[in-house]
Amino acid sequence: MNIPNIITLLRLVSVPLIIWVILQDRIDYAFGLFVLAGISDAIDGPLARWSGTVSELGKVLDPIADKALLVSIYITLGIQGGMPSWVVILVVSRDVLIVGGIILAYLLDRPLEINPSKVSKINTASQIALAAMVMFNLGFKGMAHLIQPWAIEAMAILVAVTTVLSGTLYVLTWIRGVAHGDAA
């Protein structure tokens, strides 16, 4: 356990708190916690590289924390009616596909090294931006005019497009790796 891994672990264990705060209709607080989680995600990797403490645990824990946070927030905001259901379905389905593919490759004794593509990085950034925009508007109703509905709709479309593209790229990577034996 090192400091970057502790930061990542704290992000992971903050997920239930953020969801609980949303369910208590304190989305303003949830927005603040989400921003803190985002900051922790932005610093844990660079801190690990800078301090020379990159670890296998961190490489696995970081994407788990990211997926847990985003999927939980999307599902909760979808249930609350703040996030369009079709976006929630796409985001959750893609992440189930990714996790399922990793498990399947492992069970077939062909574990794959998954390196996120540029499309996947854009997808993650757009998912974070959309969740933040929705939470801001729900949590700060007096300032909701700062983020117009058209901007949220445009971000939802970007999330949808990059989700489909990213999911397709992961499937193609798995097919090539599992079918052709390009195990890591």
C-alpha atoms as a PDB file:
ATOM      1  CA  MET A   1       0.000   0.000   0.000  1.00  0.00           C
ATOM      2  CA  ASN A   2       1.356   3.369  -1.011  1.00  0.00           C
ATOM      3  CA  ILE A   3      -0.096   6.894  -1.041  1.00  0.00           C
ATOM      4  CA  PRO A   4      -1.420   6.764  -4.646  1.00  0.00           C
ATOM      5  CA  ASN A   5      -3.146   3.435  -3.913  1.00  0.00           C
ATOM      6  CA  ILE A   6      -4.619   4.848  -0.699  1.00  0.00           C
ATOM      7  CA  ILE A   7      -5.990   7.813  -2.695  1.00  0.00           C
ATOM      8  CA  THR A   8      -7.528   5.399  -5.215  1.00  0.00           C
ATOM      9  CA  LEU A   9      -8.959   3.242  -2.430  1.00  0.00           C
ATOM     10  CA  LEU A  10     -10.501   6.311  -0.784  1.00  0.00           C
ATOM     11  CA  ARG A  11     -12.159   7.149  -4.119  1.00  0.00           C
ATOM     12  CA  LEU A  12     -13.553   3.630  -4.283  1.00  0.00           C
ATOM     13  CA  VAL A  13     -14.940   3.694  -0.752  1.00  0.00           C
ATOM     14  CA  SER A  14     -16.420   7.175  -1.354  1.00  0.00           C
ATOM     15  CA  VAL A  15     -18.820   5.732  -3.944  1.00  0.00           C
ATOM     16  CA  PRO A  16     -21.479   4.555  -1.445  1.00  0.00           C
ATOM     17  CA  LEU A  17     -21.322   7.928   0.325  1.00  0.00           C
ATOM     18  CA  ILE A  18     -21.815   9.844  -2.923  1.00  0.00           C
ATOM     19  CA  ILE A  19     -24.748   7.625  -3.894  1.00  0.00           C
ATOM     20  CA  TRP A  20     -26.307   7.967  -0.443  1.00  0.00           C
ATOM     21  CA  VAL A  21     -25.984  11.759  -0.631  1.00  0.00           C
ATOM     22  CA  ILE A  22     -27.697  11.770  -4.045  1.00  0.00           C
ATOM     23  CA  LEU A  23     -30.505   9.607  -2.668  1.00  0.00           C
ATOM     24  CA  GLN A  24     -30.895  12.052   0.229  1.00  0.00           C
ATOM     25  CA  ASP A  25     -31.548  14.704  -2.450  1.00  0.00           C
ATOM     26  CA  ARG A  26     -28.381  16.598  -1.495  1.00  0.00           C
ATOM     27  CA  ILE A  27     -27.012  16.589  -4.989  1.00  0.00           C
ATOM     28  CA  ASP A  28     -25.136  19.806  -4.254  1.00  0.00           C
ATOM     29  CA  TYR A  29     -23.012  17.881  -1.735  1.00  0.00           C
ATOM     30  CA  ALA A  30     -22.769  14.914  -4.102  1.00  0.00           C
ATOM     31  CA  PHE A  31     -21.459  17.274  -6.779  1.00  0.00           C
ATOM     32  CA  GLY A  32     -18.732  18.458  -4.399  1.00  0.00           C
ATOM     33  CA  LEU A  33     -17.795  14.876  -3.499  1.00  0.00           C
ATOM     34  CA  PHE A  34     -17.774  13.949  -7.186  1.00  0.00           C
ATOM     35  CA  VAL A  35     -15.394  16.817  -7.923  1.00  0.00           C
ATOM     36  CA  LEU A  36     -13.118  15.626  -5.089  1.00  0.00           C
ATOM     37  CA  ALA A  37     -13.234  12.093  -6.519  1.00  0.00           C
ATOM     38  CA  GLY A  38     -12.303  13.507  -9.913  1.00  0.00           C
ATOM     39  CA  ILE A  39      -9.366  15.382  -8.421  1.00  0.00           C
ATOM     40  CA  SER A  40      -8.207  12.202  -6.694  1.00  0.00           C
ATOM     41  CA  ASP A  41      -8.378  10.384 -10.036  1.00  0.00           C
ATOM     42  CA  ALA A  42      -6.342  13.130 -11.666  1.00  0.00           C
ATOM     43  CA  ILE A  43      -3.558  12.959  -9.072  1.00  0.00           C
ATOM     44  CA  ASP A  44      -3.172   9.289  -8.104  1.00  0.00           C
ATOM     45  CA  GLY A  45      -1.600   8.120 -11.381  1.00  0.00           C
ATOM     46  CA  PRO A  46       0.806  11.049 -11.860  1.00  0.00           C
ATOM     47  CA  LEU A  47       1.752  10.841  -8.173  1.00  0.00           C
ATOM     48  CA  ALA A  48       2.530   7.131  -8.544  1.00  0.00           C
ATOM     49  CA  ARG A  49       4.679   7.778 -11.618  1.00  0.00           C
ATOM     50  CA  TRP A  50       6.444  10.772 -10.007  1.00  0.00           C
ATOM     51  CA  SER A  51       7.163   8.910  -6.763  1.00  0.00           C
ATOM     52  CA  GLY A  52       8.138   5.670  -8.502  1.00  0.00           C
ATOM     53  CA  THR A  53       5.373   3.760  -6.707  1.00  0.00           C
ATOM     54  CA  VAL A  54       3.435   2.461  -9.725  1.00  0.00           C
ATOM     55  CA  SER A  55       2.095  -0.943  -8.699  1.00  0.00           C
ATOM     56  CA  GLU A  56       0.072  -3.792 -10.142  1.00  0.00           C
ATOM     57  CA  LEU A  57      -2.533  -3.138  -7.441  1.00  0.00           C
ATOM     58  CA  GLY A  58      -2.850   0.483  -8.549  1.00  0.00           C
ATOM     59  CA  LYS A  59      -3.137  -0.502 -12.205  1.00  0.00           C
ATOM     60  CA  VAL A  60      -6.110  -2.715 -11.338  1.00  0.00           C
ATOM     61  CA  LEU A  61      -7.651  -0.635  -8.547  1.00  0.00           C
ATOM     62  CA  ASP A  62      -7.787   2.654 -10.490  1.00  0.00           C
ATOM     63  CA  PRO A  63     -10.095   1.492 -13.314  1.00  0.00           C
ATOM     64  CA  ILE A  64     -12.252  -0.400 -10.789  1.00  0.00           C
ATOM     65  CA  ALA A  65     -12.679   2.801  -8.774  1.00  0.00           C
ATOM     66  CA  ASP A  66     -13.477   4.772 -11.929  1.00  0.00           C
ATOM     67  CA  LYS A  67     -16.032   2.235 -13.163  1.00  0.00           C
ATOM     68  CA  ALA A  68     -17.655   1.896  -9.737  1.00  0.00           C
ATOM     69  CA  LEU A  69     -17.998   5.660  -9.414  1.00  0.00           C
ATOM     70  CA  LEU A  70     -19.334   6.378 -12.886  1.00  0.00           C
ATOM     71  CA  VAL A  71     -21.656   3.382 -13.181  1.00  0.00           C
ATOM     72  CA  SER A  72     -23.097   4.007  -9.704  1.00  0.00           C
ATOM     73  CA  ILE A  73     -23.671   7.684 -10.403  1.00  0.00           C
ATOM     74  CA  TYR A  74     -25.225   7.028 -13.811  1.00  0.00           C
ATOM     75  CA  ILE A  75     -27.584   4.393 -12.402  1.00  0.00           C
ATOM     76  CA  THR A  76     -28.557   6.579  -9.445  1.00  0.00           C
ATOM     77  CA  LEU A  77     -29.109   9.684 -11.560  1.00  0.00           C
ATOM     78  CA  GLY A  78     -31.093   7.555 -14.020  1.00  0.00           C
ATOM     79  CA  ILE A  79     -33.331   6.261 -11.235  1.00  0.00           C
ATOM     80  CA  GLN A  80     -33.740   9.809  -9.918  1.00  0.00           C
ATOM     81  CA  GLY A  81     -34.759  10.967 -13.406  1.00  0.00           C
ATOM     82  CA  GLY A  82     -31.816  13.318 -13.892  1.00  0.00           C
ATOM     83  CA  MET A  83     -29.951  11.247 -16.474  1.00  0.00           C
ATOM     84  CA  PRO A  84     -31.630  10.018 -19.673  1.00  0.00           C
ATOM     85  CA  SER A  85     -32.343   6.290 -19.382  1.00  0.00           C
ATOM     86  CA  TRP A  86     -30.902   5.503 -22.816  1.00  0.00           C
ATOM     87  CA  VAL A  87     -27.561   7.027 -21.797  1.00  0.00           C
ATOM     88  CA  VAL A  88     -27.532   5.023 -18.567  1.00  0.00           C
ATOM     89  CA  ILE A  89     -28.237   1.818 -20.488  1.00  0.00           C
ATOM     90  CA  LEU A  90     -25.422   2.488 -22.975  1.00  0.00           C
ATOM     91  CA  VAL A  91     -22.839   3.392 -20.314  1.00  0.00           C
ATOM     92  CA  VAL A  92     -23.671   0.486 -18.014  1.00  0.00           C
ATOM     93  CA  SER A  93     -23.852  -2.002 -20.903  1.00  0.00           C
ATOM     94  CA  ARG A  94     -20.419  -0.951 -22.184  1.00  0.00           C
ATOM     95  CA  ASP A  95     -18.858  -1.333 -18.746  1.00  0.00           C
ATOM     96  CA  VAL A  96     -20.492  -4.736 -18.219  1.00  0.00           C
ATOM     97  CA  LEU A  97     -19.155  -5.709 -21.649  1.00  0.00           C
ATOM     98  CA  ILE A  98     -15.632  -4.604 -20.700  1.00  0.00           C
ATOM     99  CA  VAL A  99     -15.628  -6.378 -17.333  1.00  0.00           C
ATOM    100  CA  GLY A 100     -17.267  -9.468 -18.830  1.00  0.00           C
ATOM    101  CA  GLY A 101     -14.696  -9.567 -21.632  1.00  0.00           C
ATOM    102  CA  ILE A 102     -11.814  -9.325 -19.186  1.00  0.00           C
ATOM    103  CA  ILE A 103     -13.271 -12.133 -17.057  1.00  0.00           C
ATOM    104  CA  LEU A 104     -13.978 -14.285 -20.112  1.00  0.00           C
ATOM    105  CA  ALA A 105     -10.446 -13.827 -21.469  1.00  0.00           C
ATOM    106  CA  TYR A 106      -9.034 -14.727 -18.054  1.00  0.00           C
ATOM    107  CA  LEU A 107     -11.243 -17.833 -17.785  1.00  0.00           C
ATOM    108  CA  LEU A 108     -10.104 -18.916 -21.257  1.00  0.00           C
ATOM    109  CA  ASP A 109      -6.537 -18.569 -19.963  1.00  0.00           C
ATOM    110  CA  ARG A 110      -5.892 -15.758 -22.434  1.00  0.00           C
ATOM    111  CA  PRO A 111      -5.730 -12.657 -20.220  1.00  0.00           C
ATOM    112  CA  LEU A 112      -5.501  -9.481 -22.231  1.00  0.00           C
ATOM    113  CA  GLU A 113      -3.632  -6.326 -21.451  1.00  0.00           C
ATOM    114  CA  ILE A 114      -6.213  -3.624 -21.867  1.00  0.00           C
ATOM    115  CA  ASN A 115      -4.822  -0.228 -22.751  1.00  0.00           C
ATOM    116  CA  PRO A 116      -7.519   2.425 -23.105  1.00  0.00           C
ATOM    117  CA  SER A 117      -7.664   3.968 -26.576  1.00  0.00           C
ATOM    118  CA  LYS A 118      -7.983   7.702 -27.202  1.00  0.00           C
ATOM    119  CA  VAL A 119     -11.677   7.114 -27.867  1.00  0.00           C
ATOM    120  CA  SER A 120     -12.029   5.427 -24.454  1.00  0.00           C
ATOM    121  CA  LYS A 121     -10.269   8.326 -22.759  1.00  0.00           C
ATOM    122  CA  ILE A 122     -12.564  10.798 -24.513  1.00  0.00           C
ATOM    123  CA  ASN A 123     -15.496   8.608 -23.488  1.00  0.00           C
ATOM    124  CA  THR A 124     -14.480   8.628 -19.833  1.00  0.00           C
ATOM    125  CA  ALA A 125     -13.923  12.392 -19.872  1.00  0.00           C
ATOM    126  CA  SER A 126     -17.299  12.985 -21.532  1.00  0.00           C
ATOM    127  CA  GLN A 127     -19.038  10.662 -19.057  1.00  0.00           C
ATOM    128  CA  ILE A 128     -17.503  12.619 -16.186  1.00  0.00           C
ATOM    129  CA  ALA A 129     -18.482  15.938 -17.784  1.00  0.00           C
ATOM    130  CA  LEU A 130     -22.074  14.804 -18.381  1.00  0.00           C
ATOM    131  CA  ALA A 131     -22.476  13.502 -14.831  1.00  0.00           C
ATOM    132  CA  ALA A 132     -21.034  16.749 -13.449  1.00  0.00           C
ATOM    133  CA  MET A 133     -23.320  18.876 -15.649  1.00  0.00           C
ATOM    134  CA  VAL A 134     -26.418  16.937 -14.596  1.00  0.00           C
ATOM    135  CA  MET A 135     -25.469  17.012 -10.905  1.00  0.00           C
ATOM    136  CA  PHE A 136     -24.682  20.734 -11.094  1.00  0.00           C
ATOM    137  CA  ASN A 137     -28.085  21.522 -12.593  1.00  0.00           C
ATOM    138  CA  LEU A 138     -29.912  19.290 -10.107  1.00  0.00           C
ATOM    139  CA  GLY A 139     -27.898  20.418  -7.094  1.00  0.00           C
ATOM    140  CA  PHE A 140     -27.761  24.130  -7.780  1.00  0.00           C
ATOM    141  CA  LYS A 141     -31.208  24.835  -9.171  1.00  0.00           C
ATOM    142  CA  GLY A 142     -30.776  28.596  -8.756  1.00  0.00           C
ATOM    143  CA  MET A 143     -27.803  28.487 -11.120  1.00  0.00           C
ATOM    144  CA  ALA A 144     -29.116  25.763 -13.444  1.00  0.00           C
ATOM    145  CA  HIS A 145     -29.388  28.330 -16.229  1.00  0.00           C
ATOM    146  CA  LEU A 146     -25.583  28.287 -16.423  1.00  0.00           C
ATOM    147  CA  ILE A 147     -25.716  24.882 -18.115  1.00  0.00           C
ATOM    148  CA  GLN A 148     -28.364  24.948 -20.799  1.00  0.00           C
ATOM    149  CA  PRO A 149     -30.403  21.823 -21.670  1.00  0.00           C
ATOM    150  CA  TRP A 150     -28.963  21.821 -25.208  1.00  0.00           C
ATOM    151  CA  ALA A 151     -25.439  21.541 -23.741  1.00  0.00           C
ATOM    152  CA  ILE A 152     -26.455  18.525 -21.668  1.00  0.00           C
ATOM    153  CA  GLU A 153     -28.126  16.949 -24.708  1.00  0.00           C
ATOM    154  CA  ALA A 154     -25.008  17.542 -26.825  1.00  0.00           C
ATOM    155  CA  MET A 155     -22.812  15.991 -24.132  1.00  0.00           C
ATOM    156  CA  ALA A 156     -25.204  13.016 -23.896  1.00  0.00           C
ATOM    157  CA  ILE A 157     -24.831  12.475 -27.643  1.00  0.00           C
ATOM    158  CA  LEU A 158     -21.036  12.670 -27.349  1.00  0.00           C
ATOM    159  CA  VAL A 159     -21.181  10.122 -24.513  1.00  0.00           C
ATOM    160  CA  ALA A 160     -23.372   7.841 -26.638  1.00  0.00           C
ATOM    161  CA  VAL A 161     -21.145   8.021 -29.719  1.00  0.00           C
ATOM    162  CA  THR A 162     -17.898   7.505 -27.815  1.00  0.00           C
ATOM    163  CA  THR A 163     -19.470   4.735 -25.719  1.00  0.00           C
ATOM    164  CA  VAL A 164     -20.455   2.778 -28.833  1.00  0.00           C
ATOM    165  CA  LEU A 165     -17.098   3.391 -30.539  1.00  0.00           C
ATOM    166  CA  SER A 166     -15.110   2.496 -27.435  1.00  0.00           C
ATOM    167  CA  GLY A 167     -17.161  -0.630 -26.777  1.00  0.00           C
ATOM    168  CA  THR A 168     -16.669  -1.712 -30.397  1.00  0.00           C
ATOM    169  CA  LEU A 169     -12.900  -1.210 -30.133  1.00  0.00           C
ATOM    170  CA  TYR A 170     -12.769  -3.313 -26.953  1.00  0.00           C
ATOM    171  CA  VAL A 171     -14.741  -6.112 -28.629  1.00  0.00           C
ATOM    172  CA  LEU A 172     -12.409  -6.085 -31.628  1.00  0.00           C
ATOM    173  CA  THR A 173      -9.386  -6.186 -29.294  1.00  0.00           C
ATOM    174  CA  TRP A 174     -10.832  -9.196 -27.438  1.00  0.00           C
ATOM    175  CA  ILE A 175     -11.709 -11.037 -30.623  1.00  0.00           C
ATOM    176  CA  ARG A 176      -8.177 -10.544 -31.940  1.00  0.00           C
ATOM    177  CA  GLY A 177      -6.561 -11.415 -28.595  1.00  0.00           C
ATOM    178  CA  VAL A 178      -8.707 -14.361 -27.564  1.00  0.00           C
ATOM    179  CA  ALA A 179      -9.228 -15.882 -31.012  1.00  0.00           C
ATOM    180  CA  HIS A 180      -5.647 -15.449 -32.168  1.00  0.00           C
ATOM    181  CA  GLY A 181      -3.908 -16.068 -28.866  1.00  0.00           C
ATOM    182  CA  ASP A 182      -2.420 -12.599 -28.432  1.00  0.00           C
ATOM    183  CA  ALA A 183      -2.469 -12.983 -24.664  1.00  0.00           C
ATOM    184  CA  ALA A 184      -0.554 -10.450 -22.659  1.00  0.00           C
END
